[in-house]
Protein backbone atom coordinates (compact mmCIF):
# COMPACT_ATOMS: atom_id res chain seq x y z
CA MET A 1 17.86 -25.75 -11.26
CA VAL A 2 15.62 -22.88 -12.28
CA ALA A 3 13.52 -25.06 -14.57
CA ARG A 4 13.12 -27.66 -11.83
CA ALA A 5 12.13 -25.01 -9.29
CA ALA A 6 9.59 -23.58 -11.75
CA ARG A 7 8.00 -27.01 -12.25
CA VAL A 8 7.68 -27.52 -8.51
CA LEU A 9 6.15 -24.08 -8.01
CA ALA A 10 3.74 -24.60 -10.91
CA SER A 11 2.55 -27.89 -9.45
CA ALA A 12 1.81 -26.05 -6.18
CA GLY A 13 -0.38 -23.51 -7.98
CA VAL A 14 1.96 -20.52 -7.78
CA GLU A 15 0.75 -18.03 -10.41
CA SER A 16 4.10 -17.03 -11.97
CA PRO A 17 6.32 -20.05 -11.34
CA ARG A 18 9.11 -19.31 -13.83
CA ALA A 19 9.46 -15.68 -12.76
CA GLU A 20 9.49 -16.60 -9.09
CA ALA A 21 11.98 -19.43 -9.64
CA GLU A 22 14.29 -16.94 -11.35
CA GLN A 23 13.88 -14.42 -8.54
CA LEU A 24 14.70 -17.04 -5.92
CA ALA A 25 17.71 -18.26 -7.88
CA ALA A 26 18.99 -14.72 -8.36
CA TYR A 27 18.52 -14.08 -4.64
CA VAL A 28 20.53 -17.19 -3.72
CA LEU A 29 23.28 -16.39 -6.23
CA GLN A 30 23.28 -12.69 -5.27
CA VAL A 31 23.03 -11.50 -8.87
CA PRO A 32 20.41 -9.33 -10.64
CA ARG A 33 17.68 -11.45 -12.19
CA GLY A 34 18.53 -10.02 -15.62
CA ARG A 35 22.06 -11.45 -15.35
CA LEU A 36 21.05 -14.86 -14.09
CA ALA A 37 22.03 -16.61 -17.32
CA LEU A 38 25.58 -15.26 -16.95
CA ALA A 39 26.01 -16.40 -13.35
CA ASP A 40 28.24 -19.26 -12.29
CA GLY A 41 26.58 -22.55 -11.39
CA PHE A 42 25.17 -23.31 -7.96
CA SER A 43 27.47 -24.58 -5.26
CA PRO A 44 26.11 -27.51 -3.20
CA ASP A 45 25.19 -25.12 -0.40
CA GLN A 46 23.37 -22.84 -2.82
CA ARG A 47 21.46 -25.77 -4.31
CA GLU A 48 20.33 -26.74 -0.84
CA ARG A 49 19.37 -23.18 -0.01
CA LEU A 50 17.34 -22.76 -3.21
CA GLY A 51 15.55 -26.05 -2.52
CA ALA A 52 14.63 -24.89 0.97
CA LEU A 53 13.29 -21.59 -0.34
CA VAL A 54 11.22 -23.37 -3.00
CA ASP A 55 9.76 -25.64 -0.31
CA ARG A 56 8.75 -22.60 1.72
CA ARG A 57 7.17 -20.99 -1.35
CA VAL A 58 5.27 -24.21 -2.06
CA ALA A 59 3.87 -23.81 1.47
CA ARG A 60 2.68 -20.38 0.17
CA GLU A 61 5.01 -18.24 2.21
CA PRO A 62 5.14 -14.96 0.27
CA LEU A 63 8.05 -14.55 -2.11
CA GLN A 64 8.81 -11.17 -0.53
CA HIS A 65 9.20 -12.79 2.89
CA LEU A 66 11.71 -15.24 1.42
CA THR A 67 13.84 -12.54 -0.16
CA GLY A 68 13.14 -9.92 2.53
CA ALA A 69 12.29 -7.26 -0.03
CA ALA A 70 9.39 -5.91 -2.08
CA GLY A 71 9.63 -3.63 -5.08
CA PHE A 72 7.36 -0.58 -5.19
CA ARG A 73 7.69 1.98 -7.97
CA HIS A 74 11.41 2.93 -7.80
CA LEU A 75 11.93 1.56 -4.29
CA GLU A 76 13.03 -1.70 -2.73
CA LEU A 77 11.44 -2.03 0.70
CA ALA A 78 12.35 -4.35 3.53
CA VAL A 79 9.36 -6.52 4.45
CA GLY A 80 8.66 -9.61 6.51
CA PRO A 81 6.34 -11.07 9.13
CA GLY A 82 4.15 -8.45 10.78
CA VAL A 83 3.77 -6.04 7.86
CA PHE A 84 1.53 -6.03 4.80
CA VAL A 85 3.42 -6.72 1.58
CA PRO A 86 2.78 -3.78 -0.83
CA ARG A 87 0.94 -4.71 -4.04
CA PRO A 88 1.52 -3.39 -7.58
CA GLU A 89 -2.01 -1.95 -7.79
CA THR A 90 -1.20 0.45 -4.95
CA GLU A 91 1.46 2.02 -7.18
CA LEU A 92 -1.38 3.64 -9.14
CA LEU A 93 -2.72 5.39 -6.04
CA ALA A 94 0.79 6.48 -5.08
CA GLY A 95 1.40 7.73 -8.62
CA TRP A 96 -1.75 9.83 -8.54
CA GLY A 97 -0.70 11.39 -5.23
CA ILE A 98 2.82 12.03 -6.53
CA GLU A 99 1.47 13.74 -9.65
CA VAL A 100 -0.79 16.02 -7.61
CA ALA A 101 1.86 16.80 -4.97
CA GLY A 102 4.48 17.44 -7.66
CA ARG A 103 2.45 20.38 -8.95
CA LEU A 104 2.53 22.09 -5.55
CA THR A 105 5.24 24.06 -3.77
CA GLY A 106 6.40 22.36 -0.57
CA PRO A 107 3.28 20.17 -0.23
CA LEU A 108 2.24 18.47 3.01
CA VAL A 109 1.40 14.84 2.27
CA VAL A 110 -0.04 12.37 4.79
CA ASP A 111 -0.03 8.59 4.33
CA LEU A 112 -2.48 6.78 6.63
CA CYS A 113 -2.20 3.03 7.34
CA SER A 114 1.36 3.33 6.09
CA GLY A 115 2.50 -0.25 6.79
CA SER A 116 5.94 -0.72 5.26
CA GLY A 117 5.94 2.94 4.21
CA ALA A 118 5.55 2.19 0.52
CA ILE A 119 3.34 5.16 -0.38
CA ALA A 120 5.02 7.64 1.97
CA LEU A 121 8.53 6.74 0.82
CA ALA A 122 7.56 6.81 -2.86
CA VAL A 123 6.19 10.33 -2.41
CA ALA A 124 9.29 11.41 -0.49
CA GLN A 125 11.57 10.03 -3.20
CA GLU A 126 9.69 11.45 -6.18
CA VAL A 127 8.59 14.77 -4.64
CA PRO A 128 11.67 15.78 -2.63
CA SER A 129 10.15 19.14 -1.67
CA ALA A 130 7.27 17.45 0.14
CA ARG A 131 6.87 17.13 3.87
CA VAL A 132 5.62 13.55 4.29
CA VAL A 133 3.93 12.18 7.42
CA ALA A 134 3.36 8.41 7.70
CA VAL A 135 0.87 7.06 10.26
CA GLU A 136 0.74 3.45 11.47
CA ARG A 137 -0.57 1.87 14.67
CA SER A 138 0.77 -1.73 14.57
CA PRO A 139 4.01 -2.08 16.57
CA ALA A 140 5.24 -4.80 14.20
CA ALA A 141 4.51 -2.73 11.09
CA LEU A 142 6.00 0.37 12.71
CA ALA A 143 9.32 -1.44 13.07
CA TRP A 144 9.40 -2.11 9.31
CA LEU A 145 8.23 1.44 8.53
CA ARG A 146 10.94 3.00 10.66
CA ARG A 147 13.57 0.71 9.15
CA ASN A 148 12.58 1.64 5.60
CA ALA A 149 12.31 5.33 6.46
CA ALA A 150 15.78 5.33 8.03
CA ALA A 151 17.28 3.49 5.06
CA ARG A 152 16.32 6.22 2.56
CA VAL A 153 17.73 9.16 4.46
CA GLY A 154 20.92 10.47 2.89
CA ALA A 155 22.61 13.82 2.60
CA GLY A 156 20.00 16.42 1.80
CA ASP A 157 17.05 14.05 2.06
CA ARG A 158 14.05 15.23 4.00
CA PRO A 159 13.10 12.43 6.44
CA VAL A 160 9.64 10.95 6.45
CA GLU A 161 7.94 11.72 9.76
CA VAL A 162 6.66 8.51 11.35
CA VAL A 163 3.69 8.80 13.72
CA ALA A 164 2.43 5.92 15.85
CA ALA A 165 -1.33 6.40 15.95
CA ASP A 166 -4.69 4.84 15.16
CA VAL A 167 -6.14 6.34 11.98
CA THR A 168 -9.67 5.96 13.39
CA ASP A 169 -8.85 8.30 16.28
CA PRO A 170 -11.14 11.37 15.90
CA GLU A 171 -8.26 13.56 17.16
CA LEU A 172 -5.68 12.14 14.74
CA LEU A 173 -2.93 14.63 13.80
CA ARG A 174 -4.83 17.52 15.33
CA GLU A 175 -1.80 19.79 14.84
CA LEU A 176 -2.27 19.39 11.07
CA VAL A 177 -5.99 20.24 10.89
CA GLY A 178 -6.75 22.30 7.79
CA ARG A 179 -3.18 22.11 6.49
CA VAL A 180 -2.81 18.86 4.51
CA ASP A 181 -2.52 19.13 0.72
CA VAL A 182 -2.63 15.46 -0.22
CA LEU A 183 -3.85 12.56 1.93
CA LEU A 184 -3.36 8.96 0.75
CA CYS A 185 -4.54 5.77 2.39
CA ASN A 186 -4.37 2.06 1.62
CA PRO A 187 -6.46 0.83 4.55
CA PRO A 188 -7.61 -2.66 5.51
CA TYR A 189 -10.64 -3.03 3.25
CA VAL A 190 -11.43 -6.67 2.53
CA PRO A 191 -14.89 -7.67 3.86
CA ARG A 192 -14.48 -10.27 6.59
CA SER A 193 -16.40 -12.99 4.71
CA VAL A 194 -14.32 -12.72 1.51
CA PRO A 195 -11.77 -15.53 1.01
CA VAL A 196 -8.19 -14.42 0.41
CA PRO A 197 -5.17 -16.22 -1.11
CA PRO A 198 -3.11 -18.41 1.22
CA GLU A 199 -0.19 -15.97 1.07
CA VAL A 200 -2.50 -13.34 2.54
CA ALA A 201 -4.41 -15.53 4.97
CA GLY A 202 -1.33 -17.06 6.47
CA HIS A 203 1.13 -14.19 6.45
CA ASP A 204 -0.29 -10.67 6.00
CA PRO A 205 -1.56 -9.31 9.35
CA ASP A 206 -5.35 -9.61 9.65
CA GLU A 207 -5.61 -6.01 10.85
CA ALA A 208 -3.97 -4.85 7.62
CA VAL A 209 -6.31 -6.89 5.41
CA PHE A 210 -9.85 -7.02 6.77
CA GLY A 211 -12.01 -3.93 7.22
CA GLY A 212 -14.92 -5.31 9.21
CA ALA A 213 -18.04 -7.02 7.92
CA ASP A 214 -18.44 -4.75 4.90
CA GLY A 215 -14.81 -3.72 4.45
CA LEU A 216 -15.55 -0.08 5.28
CA ALA A 217 -14.88 -0.05 9.03
CA VAL A 218 -11.63 1.90 8.62
CA ILE A 219 -12.52 3.80 5.46
CA ARG A 220 -15.50 5.58 7.08
CA PRO A 221 -13.52 7.23 9.94
CA VAL A 222 -10.58 7.96 7.60
CA VAL A 223 -12.86 9.87 5.23
CA ALA A 224 -14.37 11.78 8.15
CA ARG A 225 -11.02 12.69 9.70
CA ALA A 226 -9.47 13.58 6.36
CA ALA A 227 -12.15 16.22 5.83
CA ALA A 228 -10.80 17.99 8.93
CA LEU A 229 -7.13 17.52 8.04
CA LEU A 230 -7.32 18.68 4.42
CA ARG A 231 -7.10 22.33 3.53
CA PRO A 232 -9.89 23.65 1.28
CA GLY A 233 -9.10 22.23 -2.15
CA GLY A 234 -6.85 19.53 -0.69
CA VAL A 235 -7.26 16.03 -2.11
CA ILE A 236 -7.61 12.48 -0.82
CA GLY A 237 -7.12 9.09 -2.46
CA VAL A 238 -8.24 5.84 -0.83
CA GLU A 239 -7.69 2.30 -2.11
CA HIS A 240 -10.63 -0.08 -1.68
CA ASP A 241 -11.99 -3.53 -2.44
CA ASP A 242 -13.14 -4.18 -6.00
CA THR A 243 -16.70 -4.55 -4.69
CA HIS A 244 -16.68 -0.96 -3.39
CA ALA A 245 -16.99 0.91 -6.70
CA ALA A 246 -20.10 2.73 -5.50
CA ALA A 247 -19.84 2.27 -1.73
CA VAL A 248 -16.66 4.32 -1.17
CA PRO A 249 -17.73 7.26 -3.36
CA ALA A 250 -21.01 7.15 -1.40
CA VAL A 251 -19.04 7.52 1.84
CA PHE A 252 -17.36 10.63 0.42
CA SER A 253 -20.64 12.04 -0.83
CA GLY A 254 -22.45 11.30 2.41
CA ASP A 255 -19.87 13.25 4.41
CA GLY A 256 -20.91 16.44 2.64
CA ARG A 257 -17.47 18.08 2.75
CA TYR A 258 -16.12 16.70 -0.53
CA GLU A 259 -16.49 17.48 -4.21
CA ARG A 260 -15.01 16.11 -7.46
CA ILE A 261 -15.54 12.54 -6.27
CA GLU A 262 -14.09 10.07 -8.77
CA GLU A 263 -13.71 6.31 -9.01
CA HIS A 264 -10.58 4.76 -10.58
CA ARG A 265 -9.76 1.34 -11.98
CA ASP A 266 -6.57 -0.71 -11.81
CA LEU A 267 -4.69 -2.13 -14.79
CA THR A 268 -7.03 -5.14 -14.93
CA GLY A 269 -10.06 -2.86 -15.16
CA ARG A 270 -11.31 -3.52 -11.62
CA PRO A 271 -12.54 -0.68 -9.39
CA ARG A 272 -9.60 -0.07 -7.03
CA TRP A 273 -9.41 3.47 -5.59
CA ALA A 274 -11.44 6.62 -5.17
CA THR A 275 -10.41 10.27 -4.99
CA ALA A 276 -12.10 13.45 -3.84
CA SER A 277 -11.34 17.08 -3.05
CA ARG A 278 -12.13 18.97 0.12
CA ARG A 279 -14.77 21.53 -0.80
CA ALA A 280 -13.00 24.76 -1.66
CA ASP A 281 -15.65 26.80 0.17
CA GLY A 282 -15.15 24.72 3.34
CA ARG A 283 -18.89 24.05 3.65
CA HIS A 284 -20.97 20.91 4.02
CA ALA A 285 -23.17 20.02 1.07
CA ALA A 286 -26.10 17.68 0.67
CA PRO A 287 -25.09 14.15 -0.39
CA ASP A 288 -25.04 13.53 -4.13
CA PRO A 289 -28.08 11.34 -4.93
CA ALA A 290 -26.04 9.58 -7.63
CA TRP A 291 -24.05 7.83 -4.90
CA GLN A 292 -26.94 7.17 -2.50
CA THR A 293 -27.73 3.48 -2.75
CA ASP A 294 -28.06 0.76 -0.14
CA PHE A 295 -24.75 -1.13 -0.35
CA SER A 296 -25.19 -3.16 2.83
């Protein structure tokens, strides 16, 4: 059954057909994927259910929508229609934020464009002393965020604070101005003209994918607002499109309130996220000419 499902998925162009066939089979049989070979055979109902799931995957419905879950670092998050499915590359940004926050005492961490809550919940799990605030504007995504946030709260756990707000609002989180230690953001950043895979085009919300004509429509106001929210010396990390290796650092530089601007690559070597620090002296500085190029 698994081999047959893998062949069908491969013929449909699914990138990892064997792995996905095993994940679907394990989901149907309700066993861990690593113990699939030890599971009993499929009942007729389970055969039918696996076939239906494979058909939906052939139609390029995301695997995570079929199983209702997405792995992210040490978490399993509930996901489905209306929320962006977290990607493995975002784990690098989250890991950077966790490393920085873990060196601080009782850090205040803000996750903008939180979606399912992947970054915020990873920080909360791995830095239990942190106060974590997750911001999302989409009502559909907020439902998933609140569900995931509620699911992690146990005895002694500090709850993630969920805020319904637009991250481009110039008054965003005004009660936290000058207090944030670490700000993380995986915003919509794909330029509108760039083609995306069918799983994205047909299922991830447009507002969580596309960032205007150049992909920077959300990043620009986020960088500006973060400069007000961060304390002097506080840090920000923003994921971006792989065409933005110079454009996003230029946005930081052009603001004048950041220093230590760095570009980072994902595991495939593609430019994927940028970091910066709020100037420790609190002043504006002239833009760094190294980042000043016309990227329009």
